[in-house]
Amino acid sequence: ILLRAVRRYFYDGLTRPGKILFVCCLLTFLFSYRTNSDLFLLTAGAGFSLLLWSAVLGFVFRPRVSVERRAPVSGIAGQPVESKITVHNTGPRSLNNFTVREMVVPQASWPKEWQRPHLPGLAPGTSMTVPVVFTPTRRGHYALSGVAVESYFPFFLTRFTRRVPAPVEISILPETLNTPVPSLRKVAEQASKRLKLGSSNTRKGPSLE
């Protein structure tokens, strides 16, 4: 239960700046008792208040969406596979500062958090199509379960995630060979040249067929 709470509220609930601010405020709060400084205690309290206010506003404006997926039938290992995700805002409030990513799938990698397309807003009752990319690491049959819509509103310190089912199956082919393939005209010229050289060097006279 403790590990689940840490995973949900610290790892998933805070962004990287939010984690840094939380750790700094926690250390400041702990060391304020040793130095007996009210300034450090007030500073830590202000940081915790900012995180709490961000979490409250983020909860009020949390994602309430439905999605539709358009995905390719197949892909190639080691190359990005892109799906088109249509996000419908079904909530009563605007969806602000959000991104869309694939849910965790083994044997695949995703763009870093700062490399995903950031969308500033989506009004209630409207839709938006977003590209979502993942890179398979090996061949096989991949079953994608859905996407995660993550909102960073309002201060990019906290993060609320809405996991929406959007299942699809994609067949991943093996990687292509990294060898240069000559053009057909070049192959034909080389074959004709070698055939001509071979017929010119043969022994003249009767032969056994």
N, C-alpha and C. Protein backbone atom coordinates (compact mmCIF):
# COMPACT_ATOMS: atom_id res chain seq x y z
N ILE A 1 0.83 -1.20 0.00
CA ILE A 1 0.00 0.00 0.00
C ILE A 1 0.88 1.26 0.00
N LEU A 2 1.96 1.22 0.79
CA LEU A 2 2.85 2.38 0.85
C LEU A 2 3.51 2.64 -0.51
N LEU A 3 3.98 1.57 -1.15
CA LEU A 3 4.61 1.73 -2.46
C LEU A 3 3.60 2.23 -3.50
N ARG A 4 2.35 1.77 -3.40
CA ARG A 4 1.33 2.23 -4.33
C ARG A 4 1.03 3.71 -4.12
N ALA A 5 1.01 4.14 -2.86
CA ALA A 5 0.77 5.56 -2.58
C ALA A 5 1.92 6.42 -3.09
N VAL A 6 3.16 5.96 -2.89
CA VAL A 6 4.32 6.71 -3.39
C VAL A 6 4.28 6.78 -4.91
N ARG A 7 3.92 5.67 -5.54
CA ARG A 7 3.84 5.64 -7.00
C ARG A 7 2.77 6.59 -7.52
N ARG A 8 1.63 6.63 -6.87
CA ARG A 8 0.51 7.42 -7.36
C ARG A 8 0.67 8.91 -7.09
N TYR A 9 1.06 9.25 -5.86
CA TYR A 9 1.05 10.66 -5.48
C TYR A 9 2.39 11.36 -5.70
N PHE A 10 3.50 10.62 -5.57
CA PHE A 10 4.80 11.27 -5.75
C PHE A 10 5.31 11.09 -7.17
N TYR A 11 5.38 9.85 -7.63
CA TYR A 11 5.97 9.61 -8.95
C TYR A 11 5.05 10.07 -10.08
N ASP A 12 3.75 9.68 -10.01
CA ASP A 12 2.82 10.07 -11.07
C ASP A 12 2.17 11.42 -10.82
N GLY A 13 1.98 11.80 -9.56
CA GLY A 13 1.25 13.02 -9.27
C GLY A 13 2.07 14.29 -9.35
N LEU A 14 3.40 14.18 -9.30
CA LEU A 14 4.26 15.36 -9.35
C LEU A 14 5.12 15.33 -10.60
N THR A 15 5.30 16.48 -11.21
CA THR A 15 6.24 16.59 -12.32
C THR A 15 7.67 16.69 -11.76
N ARG A 16 8.64 16.79 -12.65
CA ARG A 16 10.03 16.90 -12.17
C ARG A 16 10.26 18.17 -11.37
N PRO A 17 9.79 19.36 -11.82
CA PRO A 17 9.91 20.54 -10.94
C PRO A 17 9.13 20.39 -9.65
N GLY A 18 7.97 19.72 -9.69
CA GLY A 18 7.21 19.50 -8.47
C GLY A 18 7.95 18.60 -7.49
N LYS A 19 8.61 17.58 -7.98
CA LYS A 19 9.40 16.70 -7.09
C LYS A 19 10.56 17.48 -6.45
N ILE A 20 11.23 18.30 -7.26
CA ILE A 20 12.35 19.09 -6.72
C ILE A 20 11.84 20.04 -5.64
N LEU A 21 10.73 20.71 -5.91
CA LEU A 21 10.18 21.65 -4.92
C LEU A 21 9.75 20.92 -3.66
N PHE A 22 9.14 19.74 -3.80
CA PHE A 22 8.69 18.98 -2.63
C PHE A 22 9.87 18.53 -1.78
N VAL A 23 10.91 18.01 -2.41
CA VAL A 23 12.08 17.55 -1.65
C VAL A 23 12.78 18.71 -0.97
N CYS A 24 12.92 19.84 -1.66
CA CYS A 24 13.57 21.00 -1.06
C CYS A 24 12.76 21.54 0.13
N CYS A 25 11.44 21.59 -0.02
CA CYS A 25 10.60 22.07 1.09
C CYS A 25 10.66 21.10 2.27
N LEU A 26 10.69 19.79 1.97
CA LEU A 26 10.76 18.81 3.05
C LEU A 26 12.07 18.93 3.82
N LEU A 27 13.19 19.06 3.09
CA LEU A 27 14.48 19.21 3.77
C LEU A 27 14.55 20.52 4.54
N THR A 28 14.01 21.59 3.97
CA THR A 28 13.98 22.87 4.67
C THR A 28 13.15 22.78 5.94
N PHE A 29 12.04 22.08 5.87
CA PHE A 29 11.18 21.92 7.04
C PHE A 29 11.88 21.12 8.13
N LEU A 30 12.58 20.06 7.76
CA LEU A 30 13.26 19.23 8.75
C LEU A 30 14.43 19.96 9.40
N PHE A 31 15.20 20.70 8.60
CA PHE A 31 16.37 21.40 9.15
C PHE A 31 15.99 22.68 9.88
N SER A 32 14.77 23.15 9.70
CA SER A 32 14.36 24.38 10.39
C SER A 32 14.27 24.17 11.90
N TYR A 33 14.01 22.94 12.34
CA TYR A 33 13.95 22.67 13.77
C TYR A 33 15.34 22.69 14.40
N ARG A 34 16.36 22.27 13.65
CA ARG A 34 17.71 22.26 14.19
C ARG A 34 18.27 23.67 14.30
N THR A 35 17.96 24.53 13.33
CA THR A 35 18.46 25.90 13.36
C THR A 35 17.53 26.85 14.12
N ASN A 36 16.32 26.36 14.40
CA ASN A 36 15.32 27.17 15.13
C ASN A 36 15.05 28.49 14.38
N SER A 37 14.80 28.33 13.08
CA SER A 37 14.58 29.50 12.23
C SER A 37 13.14 29.51 11.73
N ASP A 38 12.44 30.59 12.04
CA ASP A 38 11.07 30.73 11.54
C ASP A 38 11.05 31.04 10.04
N LEU A 39 12.12 31.66 9.54
CA LEU A 39 12.16 31.98 8.11
C LEU A 39 12.16 30.71 7.27
N PHE A 40 12.97 29.72 7.66
CA PHE A 40 12.99 28.46 6.93
C PHE A 40 11.65 27.74 7.03
N LEU A 41 11.03 27.81 8.20
CA LEU A 41 9.74 27.15 8.38
C LEU A 41 8.67 27.80 7.51
N LEU A 42 8.66 29.12 7.42
CA LEU A 42 7.71 29.81 6.56
C LEU A 42 7.97 29.54 5.08
N THR A 43 9.24 29.43 4.72
CA THR A 43 9.58 29.13 3.33
C THR A 43 9.08 27.74 2.94
N ALA A 44 9.29 26.76 3.82
CA ALA A 44 8.80 25.41 3.55
C ALA A 44 7.27 25.39 3.48
N GLY A 45 6.63 26.12 4.38
CA GLY A 45 5.17 26.19 4.35
C GLY A 45 4.64 26.81 3.07
N ALA A 46 5.32 27.83 2.57
CA ALA A 46 4.91 28.46 1.31
C ALA A 46 5.04 27.49 0.14
N GLY A 47 6.12 26.70 0.13
CA GLY A 47 6.29 25.72 -0.94
C GLY A 47 5.24 24.63 -0.90
N PHE A 48 4.95 24.10 0.31
CA PHE A 48 3.90 23.09 0.44
C PHE A 48 2.53 23.66 0.07
N SER A 49 2.28 24.91 0.40
CA SER A 49 1.00 25.54 0.05
C SER A 49 0.85 25.68 -1.46
N LEU A 50 1.95 26.00 -2.14
CA LEU A 50 1.90 26.11 -3.59
C LEU A 50 1.59 24.77 -4.23
N LEU A 51 2.23 23.71 -3.73
CA LEU A 51 1.94 22.37 -4.25
C LEU A 51 0.49 21.97 -3.97
N LEU A 52 0.01 22.26 -2.77
CA LEU A 52 -1.37 21.92 -2.43
C LEU A 52 -2.36 22.69 -3.29
N TRP A 53 -2.13 23.98 -3.51
CA TRP A 53 -3.02 24.77 -4.35
C TRP A 53 -3.00 24.26 -5.80
N SER A 54 -1.83 23.88 -6.28
CA SER A 54 -1.74 23.32 -7.62
C SER A 54 -2.50 22.00 -7.72
N ALA A 55 -2.41 21.17 -6.68
CA ALA A 55 -3.13 19.88 -6.70
C ALA A 55 -4.64 20.08 -6.67
N VAL A 56 -5.11 21.06 -5.89
CA VAL A 56 -6.56 21.32 -5.80
C VAL A 56 -7.10 21.80 -7.15
N LEU A 57 -6.42 22.79 -7.77
CA LEU A 57 -6.87 23.28 -9.07
C LEU A 57 -6.76 22.19 -10.14
N GLY A 58 -5.69 21.40 -10.07
CA GLY A 58 -5.56 20.31 -11.03
C GLY A 58 -6.65 19.27 -10.88
N PHE A 59 -7.10 19.02 -9.66
CA PHE A 59 -8.19 18.07 -9.44
C PHE A 59 -9.51 18.61 -9.99
N VAL A 60 -9.74 19.90 -9.80
CA VAL A 60 -10.98 20.51 -10.31
C VAL A 60 -11.01 20.46 -11.84
N PHE A 61 -9.87 20.72 -12.49
CA PHE A 61 -9.79 20.74 -13.95
C PHE A 61 -9.16 19.46 -14.50
N ARG A 62 -9.34 18.34 -13.80
CA ARG A 62 -8.76 17.08 -14.23
C ARG A 62 -9.39 16.62 -15.56
N PRO A 63 -8.67 15.78 -16.33
CA PRO A 63 -9.20 15.35 -17.63
C PRO A 63 -10.45 14.49 -17.49
N ARG A 64 -11.47 14.84 -18.26
CA ARG A 64 -12.68 14.03 -18.40
C ARG A 64 -12.93 13.91 -19.90
N VAL A 65 -12.42 12.86 -20.48
CA VAL A 65 -12.37 12.76 -21.93
C VAL A 65 -12.76 11.36 -22.38
N SER A 66 -13.07 11.26 -23.67
CA SER A 66 -13.18 9.99 -24.38
C SER A 66 -12.32 10.09 -25.63
N VAL A 67 -11.84 8.96 -26.12
CA VAL A 67 -10.89 8.98 -27.24
C VAL A 67 -11.32 8.01 -28.32
N GLU A 68 -10.85 8.29 -29.53
CA GLU A 68 -10.97 7.40 -30.68
C GLU A 68 -9.60 7.26 -31.31
N ARG A 69 -9.24 6.03 -31.69
CA ARG A 69 -7.90 5.77 -32.21
C ARG A 69 -7.96 5.34 -33.68
N ARG A 70 -7.02 5.87 -34.45
CA ARG A 70 -6.75 5.39 -35.81
C ARG A 70 -5.29 4.99 -35.84
N ALA A 71 -5.05 3.69 -35.96
CA ALA A 71 -3.69 3.16 -35.84
C ALA A 71 -3.35 2.35 -37.09
N PRO A 72 -2.06 2.27 -37.44
CA PRO A 72 -1.66 1.43 -38.57
C PRO A 72 -1.78 -0.05 -38.23
N VAL A 73 -1.85 -0.88 -39.27
CA VAL A 73 -2.00 -2.32 -39.07
C VAL A 73 -0.66 -2.95 -38.67
N SER A 74 0.44 -2.41 -39.20
CA SER A 74 1.75 -3.00 -38.95
C SER A 74 2.78 -1.91 -38.81
N GLY A 75 3.96 -2.31 -38.33
CA GLY A 75 5.08 -1.41 -38.17
C GLY A 75 6.38 -2.18 -38.26
N ILE A 76 7.50 -1.49 -38.09
CA ILE A 76 8.83 -2.09 -38.18
C ILE A 76 9.56 -1.86 -36.87
N ALA A 77 10.22 -2.88 -36.37
CA ALA A 77 10.96 -2.77 -35.12
C ALA A 77 12.05 -1.72 -35.24
N GLY A 78 12.18 -0.90 -34.21
CA GLY A 78 13.19 0.15 -34.21
C GLY A 78 12.76 1.44 -34.86
N GLN A 79 11.56 1.47 -35.48
CA GLN A 79 11.06 2.67 -36.12
C GLN A 79 9.78 3.13 -35.42
N PRO A 80 9.55 4.44 -35.31
CA PRO A 80 8.35 4.94 -34.61
C PRO A 80 7.06 4.49 -35.31
N VAL A 81 6.08 4.15 -34.49
CA VAL A 81 4.73 3.80 -34.96
C VAL A 81 3.78 4.87 -34.43
N GLU A 82 3.09 5.54 -35.33
CA GLU A 82 2.26 6.67 -34.95
C GLU A 82 0.78 6.34 -35.09
N SER A 83 0.02 6.69 -34.06
CA SER A 83 -1.44 6.58 -34.08
C SER A 83 -2.04 7.97 -34.00
N LYS A 84 -3.21 8.12 -34.59
CA LYS A 84 -3.95 9.37 -34.50
C LYS A 84 -5.05 9.20 -33.45
N ILE A 85 -4.97 10.00 -32.39
CA ILE A 85 -5.92 9.93 -31.28
C ILE A 85 -6.80 11.17 -31.31
N THR A 86 -8.11 10.95 -31.43
CA THR A 86 -9.07 12.05 -31.36
C THR A 86 -9.60 12.13 -29.94
N VAL A 87 -9.32 13.25 -29.28
CA VAL A 87 -9.69 13.46 -27.88
C VAL A 87 -10.96 14.31 -27.84
N HIS A 88 -11.99 13.80 -27.15
CA HIS A 88 -13.24 14.53 -26.95
C HIS A 88 -13.32 14.97 -25.48
N ASN A 89 -13.47 16.24 -25.26
CA ASN A 89 -13.61 16.76 -23.90
C ASN A 89 -15.07 16.62 -23.47
N THR A 90 -15.35 15.66 -22.60
CA THR A 90 -16.71 15.40 -22.14
C THR A 90 -17.01 16.07 -20.81
N GLY A 91 -16.07 16.79 -20.24
CA GLY A 91 -16.26 17.43 -18.95
C GLY A 91 -16.92 18.79 -19.07
N PRO A 92 -17.33 19.36 -17.93
CA PRO A 92 -17.97 20.70 -17.96
C PRO A 92 -16.97 21.84 -18.01
N ARG A 93 -15.67 21.56 -17.84
CA ARG A 93 -14.66 22.61 -17.84
C ARG A 93 -13.63 22.35 -18.94
N SER A 94 -12.89 23.38 -19.24
CA SER A 94 -11.85 23.27 -20.27
C SER A 94 -10.72 22.36 -19.78
N LEU A 95 -10.12 21.67 -20.72
CA LEU A 95 -8.95 20.85 -20.44
C LEU A 95 -7.72 21.64 -20.86
N ASN A 96 -6.85 21.95 -19.89
CA ASN A 96 -5.72 22.85 -20.13
C ASN A 96 -4.40 22.13 -19.92
N ASN A 97 -3.41 22.53 -20.74
CA ASN A 97 -2.03 22.10 -20.54
C ASN A 97 -1.93 20.57 -20.42
N PHE A 98 -2.23 19.87 -21.49
CA PHE A 98 -2.26 18.41 -21.41
C PHE A 98 -1.47 17.79 -22.56
N THR A 99 -1.10 16.54 -22.36
CA THR A 99 -0.44 15.73 -23.37
C THR A 99 -1.14 14.37 -23.43
N VAL A 100 -0.86 13.63 -24.51
CA VAL A 100 -1.44 12.30 -24.69
C VAL A 100 -0.30 11.35 -25.00
N ARG A 101 -0.28 10.20 -24.34
CA ARG A 101 0.75 9.20 -24.56
C ARG A 101 0.12 7.81 -24.52
N GLU A 102 0.88 6.83 -25.03
CA GLU A 102 0.45 5.44 -24.94
C GLU A 102 0.60 4.94 -23.51
N MET A 103 -0.27 4.03 -23.11
CA MET A 103 -0.09 3.36 -21.84
C MET A 103 1.08 2.38 -21.94
N VAL A 104 1.60 1.97 -20.80
CA VAL A 104 2.83 1.19 -20.77
C VAL A 104 2.63 -0.15 -21.47
N VAL A 105 3.54 -0.46 -22.40
CA VAL A 105 3.54 -1.73 -23.12
C VAL A 105 4.97 -2.28 -23.06
N PRO A 106 5.14 -3.56 -22.70
CA PRO A 106 6.49 -4.12 -22.66
C PRO A 106 7.15 -4.09 -24.03
N GLN A 107 8.48 -4.05 -24.02
CA GLN A 107 9.30 -4.12 -25.23
C GLN A 107 9.02 -2.95 -26.18
N ALA A 108 8.88 -1.76 -25.61
CA ALA A 108 8.68 -0.56 -26.42
C ALA A 108 9.17 0.64 -25.64
N SER A 109 9.44 1.72 -26.34
CA SER A 109 9.89 2.97 -25.72
C SER A 109 9.02 4.10 -26.23
N TRP A 110 8.98 5.20 -25.46
CA TRP A 110 8.14 6.34 -25.78
C TRP A 110 8.98 7.61 -25.73
N PRO A 111 8.51 8.67 -26.39
CA PRO A 111 9.23 9.96 -26.29
C PRO A 111 9.25 10.45 -24.85
N LYS A 112 10.30 11.16 -24.51
CA LYS A 112 10.40 11.74 -23.18
C LYS A 112 9.26 12.72 -22.95
N GLU A 113 9.06 13.04 -21.67
CA GLU A 113 7.94 13.89 -21.31
C GLU A 113 8.01 15.25 -21.99
N TRP A 114 9.20 15.81 -22.11
CA TRP A 114 9.35 17.13 -22.72
C TRP A 114 9.34 17.07 -24.25
N GLN A 115 9.33 15.85 -24.84
CA GLN A 115 9.29 15.71 -26.28
C GLN A 115 7.88 15.45 -26.82
N ARG A 116 6.92 15.25 -25.95
CA ARG A 116 5.55 15.00 -26.40
C ARG A 116 4.89 16.32 -26.80
N PRO A 117 3.98 16.27 -27.78
CA PRO A 117 3.26 17.50 -28.16
C PRO A 117 2.43 18.03 -27.00
N HIS A 118 2.66 19.29 -26.65
CA HIS A 118 1.93 19.92 -25.56
C HIS A 118 0.77 20.71 -26.13
N LEU A 119 -0.43 20.48 -25.59
CA LEU A 119 -1.64 21.12 -26.09
C LEU A 119 -2.14 22.11 -25.05
N PRO A 120 -2.30 23.38 -25.42
CA PRO A 120 -2.64 24.40 -24.42
C PRO A 120 -4.05 24.30 -23.87
N GLY A 121 -5.04 23.87 -24.67
CA GLY A 121 -6.39 23.85 -24.15
C GLY A 121 -7.37 23.17 -25.08
N LEU A 122 -8.48 22.71 -24.51
CA LEU A 122 -9.56 22.08 -25.25
C LEU A 122 -10.87 22.42 -24.55
N ALA A 123 -11.73 23.18 -25.25
CA ALA A 123 -12.98 23.65 -24.66
C ALA A 123 -13.95 22.50 -24.45
N PRO A 124 -14.91 22.65 -23.54
CA PRO A 124 -15.90 21.58 -23.32
C PRO A 124 -16.71 21.29 -24.58
N GLY A 125 -16.90 20.00 -24.86
CA GLY A 125 -17.69 19.58 -26.01
C GLY A 125 -16.97 19.60 -27.33
N THR A 126 -15.69 19.95 -27.35
CA THR A 126 -14.92 20.00 -28.60
C THR A 126 -13.96 18.82 -28.67
N SER A 127 -13.36 18.65 -29.86
CA SER A 127 -12.47 17.53 -30.11
C SER A 127 -11.16 18.03 -30.72
N MET A 128 -10.15 17.19 -30.62
CA MET A 128 -8.84 17.51 -31.17
C MET A 128 -8.12 16.20 -31.48
N THR A 129 -7.44 16.16 -32.63
CA THR A 129 -6.68 14.98 -33.04
C THR A 129 -5.21 15.18 -32.73
N VAL A 130 -4.63 14.21 -32.04
CA VAL A 130 -3.26 14.32 -31.54
C VAL A 130 -2.46 13.11 -32.03
N PRO A 131 -1.24 13.28 -32.54
CA PRO A 131 -0.40 12.13 -32.87
C PRO A 131 0.25 11.55 -31.62
N VAL A 132 0.23 10.25 -31.51
CA VAL A 132 0.84 9.54 -30.39
C VAL A 132 1.80 8.51 -30.96
N VAL A 133 3.03 8.51 -30.48
CA VAL A 133 4.10 7.71 -31.06
C VAL A 133 4.70 6.80 -30.00
N PHE A 134 5.04 5.57 -30.41
CA PHE A 134 5.87 4.69 -29.60
C PHE A 134 6.79 3.93 -30.54
N THR A 135 7.91 3.44 -30.01
CA THR A 135 8.91 2.75 -30.82
C THR A 135 9.07 1.32 -30.31
N PRO A 136 8.64 0.31 -31.06
CA PRO A 136 8.84 -1.08 -30.63
C PRO A 136 10.31 -1.47 -30.74
N THR A 137 10.77 -2.25 -29.81
CA THR A 137 12.17 -2.65 -29.79
C THR A 137 12.43 -4.00 -30.45
N ARG A 138 11.40 -4.79 -30.70
CA ARG A 138 11.58 -6.08 -31.35
C ARG A 138 10.32 -6.46 -32.10
N ARG A 139 10.44 -7.49 -32.93
CA ARG A 139 9.31 -7.94 -33.71
C ARG A 139 8.30 -8.65 -32.81
N GLY A 140 7.07 -8.79 -33.32
CA GLY A 140 6.06 -9.51 -32.55
C GLY A 140 4.69 -8.90 -32.75
N HIS A 141 3.77 -9.36 -31.94
CA HIS A 141 2.38 -8.92 -31.99
C HIS A 141 2.14 -8.06 -30.75
N TYR A 142 1.88 -6.76 -30.96
CA TYR A 142 1.72 -5.81 -29.87
C TYR A 142 0.23 -5.51 -29.68
N ALA A 143 -0.22 -5.67 -28.44
CA ALA A 143 -1.60 -5.35 -28.08
C ALA A 143 -1.58 -4.10 -27.22
N LEU A 144 -1.97 -2.96 -27.78
CA LEU A 144 -2.02 -1.69 -27.06
C LEU A 144 -3.38 -1.57 -26.37
N SER A 145 -3.35 -1.26 -25.09
CA SER A 145 -4.58 -1.24 -24.30
C SER A 145 -5.30 0.11 -24.31
N GLY A 146 -4.56 1.20 -24.41
CA GLY A 146 -5.21 2.51 -24.37
C GLY A 146 -4.20 3.63 -24.30
N VAL A 147 -4.68 4.83 -24.02
CA VAL A 147 -3.84 6.02 -23.94
C VAL A 147 -4.06 6.69 -22.59
N ALA A 148 -3.09 7.52 -22.21
CA ALA A 148 -3.16 8.29 -20.96
C ALA A 148 -3.15 9.77 -21.31
N VAL A 149 -4.15 10.49 -20.84
CA VAL A 149 -4.24 11.94 -21.02
C VAL A 149 -3.77 12.58 -19.72
N GLU A 150 -2.69 13.35 -19.78
CA GLU A 150 -2.07 13.93 -18.59
C GLU A 150 -2.21 15.44 -18.62
N SER A 151 -2.76 16.01 -17.55
CA SER A 151 -2.95 17.45 -17.43
C SER A 151 -1.95 18.02 -16.43
N TYR A 152 -1.27 19.12 -16.82
CA TYR A 152 -0.27 19.78 -15.98
C TYR A 152 -0.77 21.11 -15.44
N PHE A 153 -2.04 21.35 -15.55
CA PHE A 153 -2.63 22.60 -15.09
C PHE A 153 -2.61 22.66 -13.56
N PRO A 154 -2.31 23.82 -12.92
CA PRO A 154 -2.08 25.13 -13.54
C PRO A 154 -0.62 25.55 -13.60
N PHE A 155 0.27 24.96 -12.75
CA PHE A 155 1.62 25.48 -12.61
C PHE A 155 2.70 24.53 -13.10
N PHE A 156 2.30 23.41 -13.76
CA PHE A 156 3.25 22.40 -14.22
C PHE A 156 4.03 21.78 -13.05
N LEU A 157 3.44 21.80 -11.88
CA LEU A 157 4.05 21.16 -10.71
C LEU A 157 3.38 19.84 -10.38
N THR A 158 2.09 19.74 -10.60
CA THR A 158 1.34 18.51 -10.37
C THR A 158 0.80 17.98 -11.70
N ARG A 159 0.44 16.69 -11.68
CA ARG A 159 -0.01 16.05 -12.91
C ARG A 159 -1.15 15.10 -12.58
N PHE A 160 -2.26 15.24 -13.31
CA PHE A 160 -3.39 14.34 -13.18
C PHE A 160 -3.52 13.52 -14.46
N THR A 161 -3.62 12.22 -14.31
CA THR A 161 -3.62 11.31 -15.44
C THR A 161 -4.97 10.61 -15.55
N ARG A 162 -5.51 10.62 -16.76
CA ARG A 162 -6.75 9.91 -17.07
C ARG A 162 -6.41 8.82 -18.08
N ARG A 163 -6.56 7.55 -17.68
CA ARG A 163 -6.27 6.42 -18.55
C ARG A 163 -7.56 5.97 -19.23
N VAL A 164 -7.56 6.02 -20.56
CA VAL A 164 -8.75 5.73 -21.34
C VAL A 164 -8.49 4.50 -22.20
N PRO A 165 -9.34 3.48 -22.13
CA PRO A 165 -9.14 2.29 -22.98
C PRO A 165 -9.31 2.62 -24.46
N ALA A 166 -8.37 2.17 -25.27
CA ALA A 166 -8.45 2.30 -26.73
C ALA A 166 -7.64 1.15 -27.32
N PRO A 167 -8.17 -0.08 -27.20
CA PRO A 167 -7.36 -1.25 -27.59
C PRO A 167 -7.16 -1.35 -29.10
N VAL A 168 -6.00 -1.83 -29.48
CA VAL A 168 -5.67 -2.08 -30.88
C VAL A 168 -4.52 -3.07 -30.92
N GLU A 169 -4.46 -3.86 -31.98
CA GLU A 169 -3.39 -4.83 -32.16
C GLU A 169 -2.58 -4.46 -33.40
N ILE A 170 -1.26 -4.42 -33.25
CA ILE A 170 -0.34 -4.02 -34.32
C ILE A 170 0.72 -5.09 -34.48
N SER A 171 0.94 -5.54 -35.71
CA SER A 171 1.99 -6.52 -36.00
C SER A 171 3.28 -5.78 -36.34
N ILE A 172 4.33 -6.10 -35.60
CA ILE A 172 5.63 -5.45 -35.79
C ILE A 172 6.55 -6.40 -36.56
N LEU A 173 7.04 -5.95 -37.70
CA LEU A 173 7.94 -6.73 -38.54
C LEU A 173 9.38 -6.54 -38.07
N PRO A 174 10.28 -7.48 -38.42
CA PRO A 174 11.68 -7.32 -38.02
C PRO A 174 12.34 -6.13 -38.71
N GLU A 175 13.46 -5.71 -38.17
CA GLU A 175 14.18 -4.57 -38.71
C GLU A 175 14.71 -4.87 -40.11
N THR A 176 14.76 -3.85 -40.93
CA THR A 176 15.31 -3.99 -42.27
C THR A 176 16.84 -4.03 -42.21
N LEU A 177 17.45 -4.67 -43.21
CA LEU A 177 18.91 -4.76 -43.26
C LEU A 177 19.49 -3.41 -43.66
N ASN A 178 20.54 -3.01 -42.95
CA ASN A 178 21.19 -1.73 -43.24
C ASN A 178 22.29 -1.92 -44.27
N THR A 179 21.93 -2.43 -45.45
CA THR A 179 22.89 -2.63 -46.54
C THR A 179 22.41 -1.87 -47.76
N PRO A 180 23.34 -1.21 -48.47
CA PRO A 180 22.93 -0.48 -49.68
C PRO A 180 22.55 -1.44 -50.80
N VAL A 181 21.44 -1.17 -51.45
CA VAL A 181 20.97 -1.98 -52.57
C VAL A 181 21.16 -1.19 -53.85
N PRO A 182 21.97 -1.70 -54.82
CA PRO A 182 22.18 -0.95 -56.06
C PRO A 182 20.91 -0.94 -56.91
N SER A 183 20.86 0.00 -57.83
CA SER A 183 19.71 0.10 -58.72
C SER A 183 19.70 -1.04 -59.73
N LEU A 184 18.53 -1.32 -60.29
CA LEU A 184 18.41 -2.40 -61.27
C LEU A 184 19.22 -2.09 -62.54
N ARG A 185 19.32 -0.84 -62.93
CA ARG A 185 20.10 -0.49 -64.12
C ARG A 185 21.57 -0.78 -63.90
N LYS A 186 22.06 -0.50 -62.69
CA LYS A 186 23.47 -0.78 -62.41
C LYS A 186 23.73 -2.28 -62.38
N VAL A 187 22.81 -3.05 -61.80
CA VAL A 187 22.96 -4.50 -61.78
C VAL A 187 22.95 -5.07 -63.19
N ALA A 188 22.05 -4.55 -64.05
CA ALA A 188 21.98 -5.04 -65.43
C ALA A 188 23.25 -4.71 -66.20
N GLU A 189 23.81 -3.50 -65.99
CA GLU A 189 25.04 -3.13 -66.68
C GLU A 189 26.21 -4.01 -66.25
N GLN A 190 26.31 -4.29 -64.92
CA GLN A 190 27.39 -5.14 -64.45
C GLN A 190 27.24 -6.57 -64.98
N ALA A 191 26.01 -7.09 -65.03
CA ALA A 191 25.80 -8.44 -65.54
C ALA A 191 26.14 -8.53 -67.02
N SER A 192 25.74 -7.51 -67.81
CA SER A 192 26.06 -7.50 -69.24
C SER A 192 27.56 -7.41 -69.47
N LYS A 193 28.25 -6.60 -68.67
CA LYS A 193 29.70 -6.45 -68.82
C LYS A 193 30.43 -7.74 -68.48
N ARG A 194 30.02 -8.39 -67.42
CA ARG A 194 30.68 -9.64 -67.03
C ARG A 194 30.39 -10.75 -68.03
N LEU A 195 29.16 -10.76 -68.59
CA LEU A 195 28.84 -11.77 -69.60
C LEU A 195 29.67 -11.58 -70.85
N LYS A 196 29.88 -10.30 -71.23
CA LYS A 196 30.68 -10.01 -72.41
C LYS A 196 32.13 -10.40 -72.19
N LEU A 197 32.68 -10.11 -71.03
CA LEU A 197 34.06 -10.49 -70.74
C LEU A 197 34.21 -11.99 -70.68
N GLY A 198 33.22 -12.68 -70.17
CA GLY A 198 33.30 -14.14 -70.08
C GLY A 198 33.26 -14.78 -71.45
N SER A 199 32.44 -14.29 -72.39
CA SER A 199 32.36 -14.88 -73.73
C SER A 199 33.60 -14.57 -74.54
N SER A 200 34.25 -13.43 -74.29
CA SER A 200 35.46 -13.09 -75.03
C SER A 200 36.66 -13.91 -74.59
N ASN A 201 36.68 -14.38 -73.34
CA ASN A 201 37.84 -15.12 -72.82
C ASN A 201 37.72 -16.62 -73.01
N THR A 202 36.64 -17.09 -73.63
CA THR A 202 36.49 -18.54 -73.79
C THR A 202 37.36 -19.05 -74.93
N ARG A 203 37.71 -20.34 -74.89
CA ARG A 203 38.54 -20.95 -75.92
C ARG A 203 37.73 -21.16 -77.18
N LYS A 204 38.31 -20.78 -78.34
CA LYS A 204 37.66 -20.94 -79.63
C LYS A 204 37.86 -22.35 -80.12
N GLY A 205 36.84 -22.90 -80.80
CA GLY A 205 36.95 -24.24 -81.38
C GLY A 205 35.80 -25.11 -80.95
N PRO A 206 35.82 -26.38 -81.33
CA PRO A 206 34.73 -27.29 -80.96
C PRO A 206 34.70 -27.52 -79.46
N SER A 207 33.55 -27.69 -78.95
CA SER A 207 33.38 -27.91 -77.51
C SER A 207 32.26 -28.90 -77.28
N LEU A 208 32.26 -29.48 -76.12
CA LEU A 208 31.24 -30.45 -75.73
C LEU A 208 30.10 -29.73 -75.04
N GLU A 209 28.90 -29.79 -75.61
CA GLU A 209 27.77 -29.12 -75.01
C GLU A 209 27.13 -30.01 -73.93
